[in-house]
Amino acid sequence: MTLPIRQSELNAVGFTGYFPALDYRQRKEVAAMTLNRVGRRQDAFLLEINNVNAVRGITYVADTTPLRAGR
């Protein structure tokens, strides 16, 4: 299972960090929060119930540049 997390989605919720640099637990938490906020609730639910395939399948997609803090 592949679960893409797009930079544009991270930007939409105001995430200003570098997603690939996060550890396993942080990636799962940020991904679940982001997916819930952008309306991908089924994908977020799989992360929240700790579905192993969903958590392993988190894939970062750099479709735009990251936001910078203070913008």
N, C-alpha and C. Protein backbone atom coordinates (compact mmCIF):
# COMPACT_ATOMS: atom_id res chain seq x y z
N MET A 1 0.84 -1.17 0.00
CA MET A 1 0.00 0.00 0.00
C MET A 1 0.89 1.24 0.00
N THR A 2 0.63 2.13 -0.92
CA THR A 2 1.36 3.40 -0.98
C THR A 2 0.42 4.51 -0.54
N LEU A 3 0.91 5.35 0.35
CA LEU A 3 0.11 6.44 0.90
C LEU A 3 0.87 7.75 0.66
N PRO A 4 0.64 8.40 -0.49
CA PRO A 4 1.41 9.61 -0.79
C PRO A 4 1.00 10.80 0.08
N ILE A 5 2.00 11.51 0.58
CA ILE A 5 1.79 12.76 1.30
C ILE A 5 2.45 13.84 0.45
N ARG A 6 1.65 14.72 -0.10
CA ARG A 6 2.17 15.75 -1.01
C ARG A 6 2.60 16.99 -0.25
N GLN A 7 3.64 17.63 -0.72
CA GLN A 7 4.10 18.86 -0.09
C GLN A 7 3.01 19.92 -0.12
N SER A 8 2.21 19.95 -1.18
CA SER A 8 1.12 20.93 -1.25
C SER A 8 0.10 20.71 -0.13
N GLU A 9 -0.13 19.45 0.26
CA GLU A 9 -1.02 19.16 1.38
C GLU A 9 -0.40 19.60 2.70
N LEU A 10 0.90 19.36 2.85
CA LEU A 10 1.59 19.81 4.06
C LEU A 10 1.55 21.33 4.16
N ASN A 11 1.75 22.01 3.03
CA ASN A 11 1.68 23.48 3.01
C ASN A 11 0.29 23.96 3.40
N ALA A 12 -0.74 23.27 2.93
CA ALA A 12 -2.12 23.69 3.19
C ALA A 12 -2.46 23.68 4.67
N VAL A 13 -1.82 22.82 5.44
CA VAL A 13 -2.09 22.77 6.88
C VAL A 13 -1.06 23.55 7.68
N GLY A 14 -0.12 24.21 7.00
CA GLY A 14 0.85 25.06 7.67
C GLY A 14 2.09 24.36 8.19
N PHE A 15 2.37 23.15 7.72
CA PHE A 15 3.58 22.44 8.16
C PHE A 15 4.80 23.10 7.54
N THR A 16 5.77 23.49 8.37
CA THR A 16 6.94 24.21 7.87
C THR A 16 8.23 23.41 7.99
N GLY A 17 8.16 22.17 8.44
CA GLY A 17 9.37 21.36 8.57
C GLY A 17 9.70 20.63 7.29
N TYR A 18 10.72 19.78 7.37
CA TYR A 18 11.13 18.95 6.24
C TYR A 18 10.64 17.53 6.52
N PHE A 19 9.57 17.12 5.89
CA PHE A 19 8.90 15.86 6.18
C PHE A 19 9.82 14.64 6.14
N PRO A 20 10.68 14.49 5.13
CA PRO A 20 11.53 13.29 5.09
C PRO A 20 12.51 13.19 6.27
N ALA A 21 12.78 14.30 6.96
CA ALA A 21 13.72 14.27 8.08
C ALA A 21 13.08 13.82 9.39
N LEU A 22 11.76 13.68 9.41
CA LEU A 22 11.07 13.27 10.64
C LEU A 22 11.30 11.79 10.92
N ASP A 23 11.25 11.44 12.20
CA ASP A 23 11.36 10.02 12.53
C ASP A 23 10.02 9.31 12.28
N TYR A 24 10.02 8.02 12.44
CA TYR A 24 8.86 7.17 12.11
C TYR A 24 7.59 7.65 12.79
N ARG A 25 7.65 7.87 14.11
CA ARG A 25 6.47 8.28 14.88
C ARG A 25 5.98 9.65 14.45
N GLN A 26 6.90 10.59 14.25
CA GLN A 26 6.52 11.94 13.84
C GLN A 26 5.91 11.94 12.44
N ARG A 27 6.47 11.15 11.54
CA ARG A 27 5.91 11.07 10.18
C ARG A 27 4.47 10.57 10.22
N LYS A 28 4.22 9.56 11.05
CA LYS A 28 2.87 9.01 11.17
C LYS A 28 1.91 10.06 11.71
N GLU A 29 2.31 10.78 12.75
CA GLU A 29 1.44 11.80 13.36
C GLU A 29 1.16 12.96 12.41
N VAL A 30 2.21 13.46 11.76
CA VAL A 30 2.04 14.58 10.83
C VAL A 30 1.19 14.14 9.63
N ALA A 31 1.45 12.95 9.13
CA ALA A 31 0.68 12.44 7.99
C ALA A 31 -0.80 12.30 8.34
N ALA A 32 -1.11 11.72 9.50
CA ALA A 32 -2.51 11.55 9.91
C ALA A 32 -3.20 12.90 10.06
N MET A 33 -2.53 13.85 10.71
CA MET A 33 -3.11 15.19 10.89
C MET A 33 -3.36 15.85 9.53
N THR A 34 -2.38 15.77 8.65
CA THR A 34 -2.49 16.40 7.33
C THR A 34 -3.62 15.78 6.52
N LEU A 35 -3.67 14.46 6.48
CA LEU A 35 -4.71 13.78 5.70
C LEU A 35 -6.10 14.10 6.22
N ASN A 36 -6.26 14.17 7.52
CA ASN A 36 -7.57 14.56 8.09
C ASN A 36 -7.95 15.97 7.67
N ARG A 37 -7.00 16.90 7.73
CA ARG A 37 -7.30 18.30 7.43
C ARG A 37 -7.61 18.53 5.96
N VAL A 38 -7.04 17.73 5.06
CA VAL A 38 -7.30 17.94 3.63
C VAL A 38 -8.42 17.03 3.11
N GLY A 39 -9.07 16.29 4.01
CA GLY A 39 -10.23 15.50 3.62
C GLY A 39 -9.97 14.06 3.23
N ARG A 40 -8.76 13.59 3.39
CA ARG A 40 -8.46 12.18 3.07
C ARG A 40 -8.61 11.35 4.34
N ARG A 41 -9.83 11.29 4.85
CA ARG A 41 -10.10 10.71 6.16
C ARG A 41 -9.90 9.19 6.22
N GLN A 42 -10.18 8.49 5.15
CA GLN A 42 -9.98 7.03 5.15
C GLN A 42 -8.50 6.70 5.29
N ASP A 43 -7.65 7.42 4.55
CA ASP A 43 -6.21 7.21 4.67
C ASP A 43 -5.73 7.56 6.07
N ALA A 44 -6.23 8.66 6.63
CA ALA A 44 -5.85 9.07 7.98
C ALA A 44 -6.27 8.02 9.00
N PHE A 45 -7.46 7.44 8.82
CA PHE A 45 -7.95 6.42 9.74
C PHE A 45 -7.00 5.22 9.77
N LEU A 46 -6.51 4.81 8.61
CA LEU A 46 -5.57 3.68 8.56
C LEU A 46 -4.31 3.97 9.37
N LEU A 47 -3.85 5.20 9.34
CA LEU A 47 -2.68 5.57 10.14
C LEU A 47 -3.03 5.62 11.62
N GLU A 48 -4.20 6.14 11.94
CA GLU A 48 -4.60 6.27 13.34
C GLU A 48 -4.80 4.92 14.02
N ILE A 49 -5.25 3.91 13.29
CA ILE A 49 -5.40 2.59 13.89
C ILE A 49 -4.10 1.80 13.80
N ASN A 50 -3.06 2.45 13.34
CA ASN A 50 -1.72 1.88 13.27
C ASN A 50 -1.64 0.70 12.30
N ASN A 51 -2.32 0.81 11.16
CA ASN A 51 -2.24 -0.21 10.12
C ASN A 51 -0.80 -0.24 9.61
N VAL A 52 -0.14 -1.37 9.80
CA VAL A 52 1.28 -1.48 9.48
C VAL A 52 1.56 -1.17 8.02
N ASN A 53 0.74 -1.67 7.11
CA ASN A 53 0.97 -1.43 5.69
C ASN A 53 0.82 0.04 5.34
N ALA A 54 -0.13 0.73 5.97
CA ALA A 54 -0.32 2.15 5.71
C ALA A 54 0.86 2.96 6.23
N VAL A 55 1.31 2.64 7.44
CA VAL A 55 2.42 3.39 8.03
C VAL A 55 3.70 3.18 7.21
N ARG A 56 3.95 1.96 6.78
CA ARG A 56 5.13 1.69 5.95
C ARG A 56 5.03 2.34 4.58
N GLY A 57 3.80 2.54 4.11
CA GLY A 57 3.59 3.06 2.77
C GLY A 57 3.60 4.57 2.64
N ILE A 58 3.85 5.28 3.76
CA ILE A 58 3.89 6.75 3.68
C ILE A 58 5.00 7.15 2.72
N THR A 59 4.64 7.87 1.68
CA THR A 59 5.59 8.29 0.65
C THR A 59 5.49 9.79 0.46
N TYR A 60 6.62 10.47 0.59
CA TYR A 60 6.67 11.92 0.42
C TYR A 60 6.73 12.25 -1.07
N VAL A 61 5.86 13.17 -1.51
CA VAL A 61 5.84 13.63 -2.90
C VAL A 61 6.11 15.12 -2.91
N ALA A 62 7.24 15.52 -3.47
CA ALA A 62 7.62 16.94 -3.51
C ALA A 62 7.01 17.59 -4.74
N ASP A 63 5.72 17.91 -4.67
CA ASP A 63 5.04 18.51 -5.83
C ASP A 63 5.14 20.04 -5.85
N THR A 64 5.67 20.63 -4.80
CA THR A 64 5.90 22.07 -4.72
C THR A 64 6.97 22.31 -3.66
N THR A 65 7.41 23.54 -3.51
CA THR A 65 8.44 23.82 -2.51
C THR A 65 7.82 23.95 -1.13
N PRO A 66 8.57 23.58 -0.09
CA PRO A 66 8.05 23.69 1.28
C PRO A 66 7.85 25.15 1.69
N LEU A 67 6.91 25.35 2.60
CA LEU A 67 6.74 26.67 3.21
C LEU A 67 7.93 26.95 4.10
N ARG A 68 8.23 28.21 4.27
CA ARG A 68 9.29 28.58 5.21
C ARG A 68 8.66 29.19 6.44
N ALA A 69 9.22 28.90 7.58
CA ALA A 69 8.70 29.46 8.82
C ALA A 69 8.73 30.98 8.75
N GLY A 70 7.71 31.62 9.28
CA GLY A 70 7.66 33.07 9.30
C GLY A 70 7.01 33.70 8.10
N ARG A 71 6.52 32.92 7.17
CA ARG A 71 5.85 33.47 5.99
C ARG A 71 4.42 33.79 6.27
